[in-house]
Structures are given as structure tokens and as C-alpha cells.
N, C-alpha and C. Protein backbone atom coordinates (compact mmCIF):
# COMPACT_ATOMS: atom_id res chain seq x y z
N MET A 1 0.84 -1.16 0.00
CA MET A 1 0.00 0.00 0.00
C MET A 1 0.90 1.23 0.00
N ASN A 2 0.58 2.19 -0.85
CA ASN A 2 1.36 3.43 -0.93
C ASN A 2 0.84 4.44 0.07
N GLU A 3 1.76 4.96 0.88
CA GLU A 3 1.38 6.01 1.83
C GLU A 3 1.46 7.36 1.14
N PRO A 4 0.54 8.28 1.49
CA PRO A 4 0.59 9.60 0.86
C PRO A 4 1.87 10.33 1.25
N VAL A 5 2.35 11.13 0.33
CA VAL A 5 3.55 11.91 0.58
C VAL A 5 3.19 13.09 1.47
N VAL A 6 3.85 13.17 2.59
CA VAL A 6 3.61 14.27 3.52
C VAL A 6 4.69 15.32 3.29
N PRO A 7 4.28 16.57 3.00
CA PRO A 7 5.31 17.59 2.78
C PRO A 7 6.10 17.84 4.07
N ALA A 8 7.32 18.25 3.89
CA ALA A 8 8.17 18.56 5.06
C ALA A 8 7.50 19.65 5.88
N ARG A 9 7.61 19.53 7.18
CA ARG A 9 7.01 20.53 8.06
C ARG A 9 7.96 21.71 8.20
N ASP A 10 7.40 22.88 8.07
CA ASP A 10 8.15 24.09 8.35
C ASP A 10 7.95 24.40 9.82
N ILE A 11 8.97 24.18 10.60
CA ILE A 11 8.87 24.39 12.04
C ILE A 11 9.68 25.63 12.40
N VAL A 12 9.04 26.51 13.15
CA VAL A 12 9.73 27.72 13.61
C VAL A 12 9.65 27.77 15.13
N SER A 13 10.58 28.45 15.72
CA SER A 13 10.55 28.64 17.17
C SER A 13 9.52 29.70 17.51
N VAL A 14 9.13 29.75 18.76
CA VAL A 14 8.21 30.79 19.22
C VAL A 14 8.84 32.16 18.97
N SER A 15 10.12 32.29 19.26
CA SER A 15 10.81 33.57 19.06
C SER A 15 10.76 34.00 17.60
N ALA A 16 11.01 33.06 16.69
CA ALA A 16 10.98 33.39 15.27
C ALA A 16 9.58 33.79 14.82
N LEU A 17 8.58 33.09 15.31
CA LEU A 17 7.19 33.42 14.97
C LEU A 17 6.84 34.83 15.43
N VAL A 18 7.16 35.14 16.68
CA VAL A 18 6.83 36.45 17.24
C VAL A 18 7.60 37.55 16.51
N ARG A 19 8.87 37.30 16.20
CA ARG A 19 9.68 38.28 15.48
C ARG A 19 9.08 38.56 14.09
N GLN A 20 8.63 37.50 13.41
CA GLN A 20 8.02 37.67 12.09
C GLN A 20 6.71 38.44 12.20
N ALA A 21 5.90 38.14 13.20
CA ALA A 21 4.65 38.86 13.41
C ALA A 21 4.92 40.34 13.70
N ARG A 22 5.95 40.61 14.50
CA ARG A 22 6.32 42.00 14.80
C ARG A 22 6.68 42.74 13.51
N GLY A 23 7.47 42.10 12.67
CA GLY A 23 7.84 42.72 11.40
C GLY A 23 6.63 43.05 10.54
N LEU A 24 5.67 42.13 10.48
CA LEU A 24 4.46 42.37 9.70
C LEU A 24 3.65 43.54 10.25
N LEU A 25 3.49 43.59 11.56
CA LEU A 25 2.76 44.70 12.18
C LEU A 25 3.43 46.03 11.88
N GLU A 26 4.73 46.10 12.13
CA GLU A 26 5.44 47.36 11.99
C GLU A 26 5.51 47.82 10.54
N MET A 27 5.57 46.87 9.60
CA MET A 27 5.65 47.21 8.19
C MET A 27 4.30 47.68 7.65
N ASN A 28 3.22 47.10 8.14
CA ASN A 28 1.90 47.37 7.56
C ASN A 28 1.07 48.40 8.30
N LEU A 29 1.46 48.77 9.50
CA LEU A 29 0.72 49.78 10.25
C LEU A 29 1.66 50.93 10.59
N PRO A 30 1.57 52.00 9.82
CA PRO A 30 2.45 53.14 10.06
C PRO A 30 2.05 53.89 11.33
N MET A 31 2.78 54.94 11.62
CA MET A 31 2.43 55.82 12.74
C MET A 31 0.99 56.26 12.53
N LEU A 32 0.19 56.20 13.58
CA LEU A 32 -1.22 56.57 13.45
C LEU A 32 -1.74 57.20 14.72
N TRP A 33 -2.90 57.84 14.61
CA TRP A 33 -3.58 58.45 15.76
C TRP A 33 -4.65 57.49 16.25
N VAL A 34 -4.72 57.31 17.55
CA VAL A 34 -5.71 56.42 18.16
C VAL A 34 -6.38 57.17 19.30
N GLU A 35 -7.71 57.06 19.40
CA GLU A 35 -8.44 57.68 20.50
C GLU A 35 -8.94 56.61 21.45
N GLY A 36 -8.83 56.89 22.73
CA GLY A 36 -9.34 55.96 23.73
C GLY A 36 -9.22 56.54 25.12
N GLU A 37 -9.63 55.75 26.08
CA GLU A 37 -9.60 56.16 27.48
C GLU A 37 -8.45 55.47 28.21
N ILE A 38 -7.72 56.23 29.00
CA ILE A 38 -6.60 55.69 29.76
C ILE A 38 -7.10 54.90 30.97
N SER A 39 -6.50 53.73 31.18
CA SER A 39 -6.72 52.97 32.41
C SER A 39 -5.41 52.27 32.77
N ASN A 40 -5.33 51.79 33.99
CA ASN A 40 -4.14 51.06 34.47
C ASN A 40 -2.85 51.84 34.31
N LEU A 41 -2.91 53.14 34.52
CA LEU A 41 -1.73 53.99 34.35
C LEU A 41 -0.67 53.66 35.40
N ALA A 42 0.56 53.45 34.94
CA ALA A 42 1.69 53.19 35.84
C ALA A 42 2.83 54.14 35.48
N ARG A 43 3.45 54.69 36.52
CA ARG A 43 4.59 55.59 36.35
C ARG A 43 5.77 55.06 37.16
N PRO A 44 6.52 54.10 36.63
CA PRO A 44 7.65 53.57 37.39
C PRO A 44 8.78 54.60 37.52
N ALA A 45 9.75 54.29 38.35
CA ALA A 45 10.87 55.20 38.60
C ALA A 45 11.67 55.52 37.33
N SER A 46 11.57 54.68 36.32
CA SER A 46 12.29 54.90 35.06
C SER A 46 11.83 56.17 34.35
N GLY A 47 10.63 56.65 34.68
CA GLY A 47 10.07 57.82 34.01
C GLY A 47 9.21 57.47 32.81
N HIS A 48 9.19 56.20 32.42
CA HIS A 48 8.31 55.77 31.34
C HIS A 48 6.87 55.78 31.84
N LEU A 49 5.92 55.81 30.93
CA LEU A 49 4.51 55.67 31.28
C LEU A 49 3.99 54.40 30.62
N TYR A 50 3.26 53.63 31.37
CA TYR A 50 2.61 52.43 30.85
C TYR A 50 1.13 52.53 31.18
N PHE A 51 0.29 52.26 30.19
CA PHE A 51 -1.15 52.34 30.42
C PHE A 51 -1.88 51.50 29.39
N THR A 52 -3.15 51.31 29.65
CA THR A 52 -4.03 50.65 28.69
C THR A 52 -4.90 51.73 28.07
N LEU A 53 -5.07 51.64 26.77
CA LEU A 53 -5.98 52.54 26.06
C LEU A 53 -7.17 51.68 25.64
N LYS A 54 -8.38 52.14 25.98
CA LYS A 54 -9.54 51.29 25.71
C LYS A 54 -10.72 52.10 25.18
N ASP A 55 -11.60 51.36 24.53
CA ASP A 55 -12.92 51.89 24.20
C ASP A 55 -13.91 50.83 24.67
N GLU A 56 -15.15 50.93 24.28
CA GLU A 56 -16.15 50.00 24.81
C GLU A 56 -16.01 48.57 24.27
N PHE A 57 -15.21 48.37 23.23
CA PHE A 57 -15.11 47.05 22.62
C PHE A 57 -13.73 46.39 22.69
N ALA A 58 -12.69 47.17 22.95
CA ALA A 58 -11.33 46.60 22.91
C ALA A 58 -10.38 47.43 23.76
N GLN A 59 -9.19 46.88 23.95
CA GLN A 59 -8.15 47.59 24.68
C GLN A 59 -6.79 47.19 24.14
N VAL A 60 -5.81 48.07 24.34
CA VAL A 60 -4.44 47.80 23.90
C VAL A 60 -3.48 48.41 24.91
N ARG A 61 -2.40 47.70 25.19
CA ARG A 61 -1.38 48.24 26.09
C ARG A 61 -0.57 49.29 25.35
N CYS A 62 -0.11 50.27 26.13
CA CYS A 62 0.68 51.36 25.56
C CYS A 62 1.91 51.61 26.42
N ALA A 63 2.97 52.05 25.76
CA ALA A 63 4.19 52.47 26.45
C ALA A 63 4.58 53.83 25.89
N MET A 64 4.88 54.75 26.78
CA MET A 64 5.41 56.06 26.38
C MET A 64 6.72 56.23 27.13
N PHE A 65 7.80 56.28 26.37
CA PHE A 65 9.11 56.30 27.01
C PHE A 65 9.45 57.68 27.56
N ARG A 66 10.33 57.69 28.51
CA ARG A 66 10.66 58.86 29.32
C ARG A 66 10.92 60.12 28.49
N THR A 67 11.70 60.00 27.43
CA THR A 67 12.05 61.19 26.64
C THR A 67 10.81 61.85 26.04
N ARG A 68 9.81 61.05 25.70
CA ARG A 68 8.55 61.60 25.16
C ARG A 68 7.64 62.06 26.29
N ALA A 69 7.62 61.31 27.39
CA ALA A 69 6.75 61.65 28.53
C ALA A 69 7.14 62.99 29.14
N LEU A 70 8.43 63.31 29.13
CA LEU A 70 8.89 64.59 29.69
C LEU A 70 8.34 65.79 28.92
N LEU A 71 7.92 65.59 27.68
CA LEU A 71 7.41 66.67 26.84
C LEU A 71 5.93 66.95 27.04
N LEU A 72 5.25 66.13 27.82
CA LEU A 72 3.81 66.32 28.03
C LEU A 72 3.54 67.61 28.80
N ARG A 73 2.55 68.35 28.33
CA ARG A 73 2.15 69.59 29.02
C ARG A 73 1.24 69.30 30.21
N GLU A 74 0.53 68.20 30.11
CA GLU A 74 -0.45 67.83 31.13
C GLU A 74 -0.26 66.36 31.49
N ALA A 75 -0.26 66.06 32.77
CA ALA A 75 -0.07 64.67 33.20
C ALA A 75 -1.29 63.83 32.84
N PRO A 76 -1.08 62.67 32.22
CA PRO A 76 -2.21 61.79 31.93
C PRO A 76 -2.79 61.21 33.22
N ALA A 77 -4.05 60.80 33.16
CA ALA A 77 -4.71 60.24 34.34
C ALA A 77 -5.70 59.17 33.90
N ASN A 78 -5.92 58.21 34.79
CA ASN A 78 -6.93 57.19 34.52
C ASN A 78 -8.29 57.86 34.29
N GLY A 79 -9.04 57.32 33.34
CA GLY A 79 -10.36 57.86 33.04
C GLY A 79 -10.35 59.00 32.04
N ARG A 80 -9.18 59.47 31.66
CA ARG A 80 -9.07 60.59 30.72
C ARG A 80 -9.14 60.07 29.29
N GLN A 81 -9.97 60.70 28.48
CA GLN A 81 -10.07 60.39 27.05
C GLN A 81 -8.93 61.12 26.35
N VAL A 82 -8.14 60.40 25.54
CA VAL A 82 -6.97 61.00 24.90
C VAL A 82 -6.86 60.58 23.44
N LEU A 83 -6.06 61.35 22.73
CA LEU A 83 -5.60 61.00 21.39
C LEU A 83 -4.12 60.72 21.53
N VAL A 84 -3.67 59.58 21.01
CA VAL A 84 -2.25 59.29 21.02
C VAL A 84 -1.75 59.11 19.59
N ARG A 85 -0.57 59.61 19.34
CA ARG A 85 0.13 59.35 18.09
C ARG A 85 1.12 58.25 18.43
N ALA A 86 1.00 57.12 17.74
CA ALA A 86 1.77 55.96 18.15
C ALA A 86 2.08 55.05 16.96
N ARG A 87 3.07 54.21 17.20
CA ARG A 87 3.35 53.15 16.22
C ARG A 87 3.00 51.82 16.86
N VAL A 88 2.50 50.94 16.04
CA VAL A 88 2.13 49.61 16.51
C VAL A 88 3.37 48.72 16.48
N THR A 89 3.57 47.99 17.53
CA THR A 89 4.67 47.04 17.58
C THR A 89 4.23 45.82 18.38
N LEU A 90 5.10 44.87 18.49
CA LEU A 90 4.81 43.67 19.25
C LEU A 90 5.89 43.51 20.30
N TYR A 91 5.49 43.45 21.54
CA TYR A 91 6.43 43.25 22.64
C TYR A 91 6.76 41.76 22.69
N GLU A 92 7.93 41.43 22.21
CA GLU A 92 8.27 40.02 21.99
C GLU A 92 8.27 39.18 23.26
N ALA A 93 8.69 39.74 24.38
CA ALA A 93 8.78 38.95 25.62
C ALA A 93 7.43 38.39 26.05
N ARG A 94 6.34 39.12 25.74
CA ARG A 94 5.00 38.64 26.11
C ARG A 94 4.19 38.18 24.91
N GLY A 95 4.69 38.43 23.71
CA GLY A 95 3.94 38.07 22.52
C GLY A 95 2.67 38.87 22.37
N GLU A 96 2.69 40.13 22.85
CA GLU A 96 1.50 40.99 22.79
C GLU A 96 1.79 42.23 21.97
N PHE A 97 0.81 42.60 21.15
CA PHE A 97 1.03 43.85 20.43
C PHE A 97 0.71 45.01 21.34
N GLN A 98 1.38 46.12 21.07
CA GLN A 98 1.21 47.32 21.90
C GLN A 98 1.43 48.55 21.04
N LEU A 99 1.09 49.68 21.60
CA LEU A 99 1.38 50.97 20.97
C LEU A 99 2.55 51.61 21.70
N VAL A 100 3.51 52.09 20.94
CA VAL A 100 4.59 52.90 21.50
C VAL A 100 4.21 54.34 21.18
N VAL A 101 3.87 55.09 22.22
CA VAL A 101 3.28 56.41 22.07
C VAL A 101 4.35 57.48 21.91
N ASP A 102 4.15 58.30 20.88
CA ASP A 102 5.05 59.41 20.58
C ASP A 102 4.53 60.71 21.17
N SER A 103 3.21 60.90 21.12
CA SER A 103 2.60 62.09 21.71
C SER A 103 1.19 61.74 22.21
N LEU A 104 0.73 62.56 23.15
CA LEU A 104 -0.55 62.31 23.80
C LEU A 104 -1.24 63.65 24.01
N GLU A 105 -2.50 63.73 23.60
CA GLU A 105 -3.29 64.95 23.76
C GLU A 105 -4.59 64.63 24.46
N PRO A 106 -5.06 65.51 25.33
CA PRO A 106 -6.36 65.29 25.96
C PRO A 106 -7.49 65.38 24.92
N ALA A 107 -8.51 64.57 25.11
CA ALA A 107 -9.68 64.61 24.23
C ALA A 107 -10.96 64.64 25.05
N GLY A 108 -10.87 64.98 26.34
CA GLY A 108 -12.06 65.05 27.18
C GLY A 108 -12.07 63.98 28.25
N GLU A 109 -13.16 63.88 28.95
CA GLU A 109 -13.33 62.87 30.00
C GLU A 109 -13.85 61.58 29.40
N GLY A 110 -13.33 60.47 29.85
CA GLY A 110 -13.77 59.16 29.37
C GLY A 110 -15.10 58.75 29.98
N ARG A 111 -15.74 57.76 29.35
CA ARG A 111 -17.04 57.28 29.82
C ARG A 111 -16.95 55.88 30.42
N LEU A 112 -15.78 55.27 30.41
CA LEU A 112 -15.68 53.86 30.76
C LEU A 112 -15.19 53.59 32.17
N ARG A 113 -14.88 54.59 32.94
CA ARG A 113 -14.32 54.40 34.29
C ARG A 113 -14.96 53.26 34.95
């Protein structure tokens, strides 16, 4: 009896998969503006800002590094509706996509608190 020919398996490591996904995200999603409400705001000693940006249907983690955070005219706060200019990337250590925020502007009070 002839067995069917099974094509060779293309096996990649988790790291390679995540790196490839990161490349696809960064190549296909340019710098963009996103509106949402800040939650889970953290300000570690490093001076970076970490927060979640959400609307009523979805959420995404965000990072704003110290050099950009120092330029803010107004301190961000949980519950604040904002516009962020950001690039989409994938944080490889967790395999999660995130926004790296370049600038942040107030857009009013959020409704999702």
C-alpha cells in the first residue's frame, strides 16, 4: 500500500514566529492616531509611562518612554479620554502587540471608568 507523501514541516521557534509577526505589524501599520480612554496607568521610577488605552469594545497596552513623557504639558490620568500618536509594535517577551506612544493629547473625560 502506498502512503501519501507528507510535505516537510516548516517548524519555527516561538521567538521566530513572534519576530516575524512583529515585522508584519510594523511594516503594515504606520504611525497613526488612536483615540481611547486611559486605564491602568503606571509611572515607574524609570520615568516611562505604561497604560491601557480602551474603548467599549477593545483595549491595547501602551508604552510612552521617558524622553517623550517629559514633553507632556499635562499629566495623563486614569479615566481621561486621549488621542495618542503611536506606532504599533509587538512586545516580543509577552507576545503581545502594543502601541509605543510618541505624543498624547487630551480629548475630554472618558465614559468607561
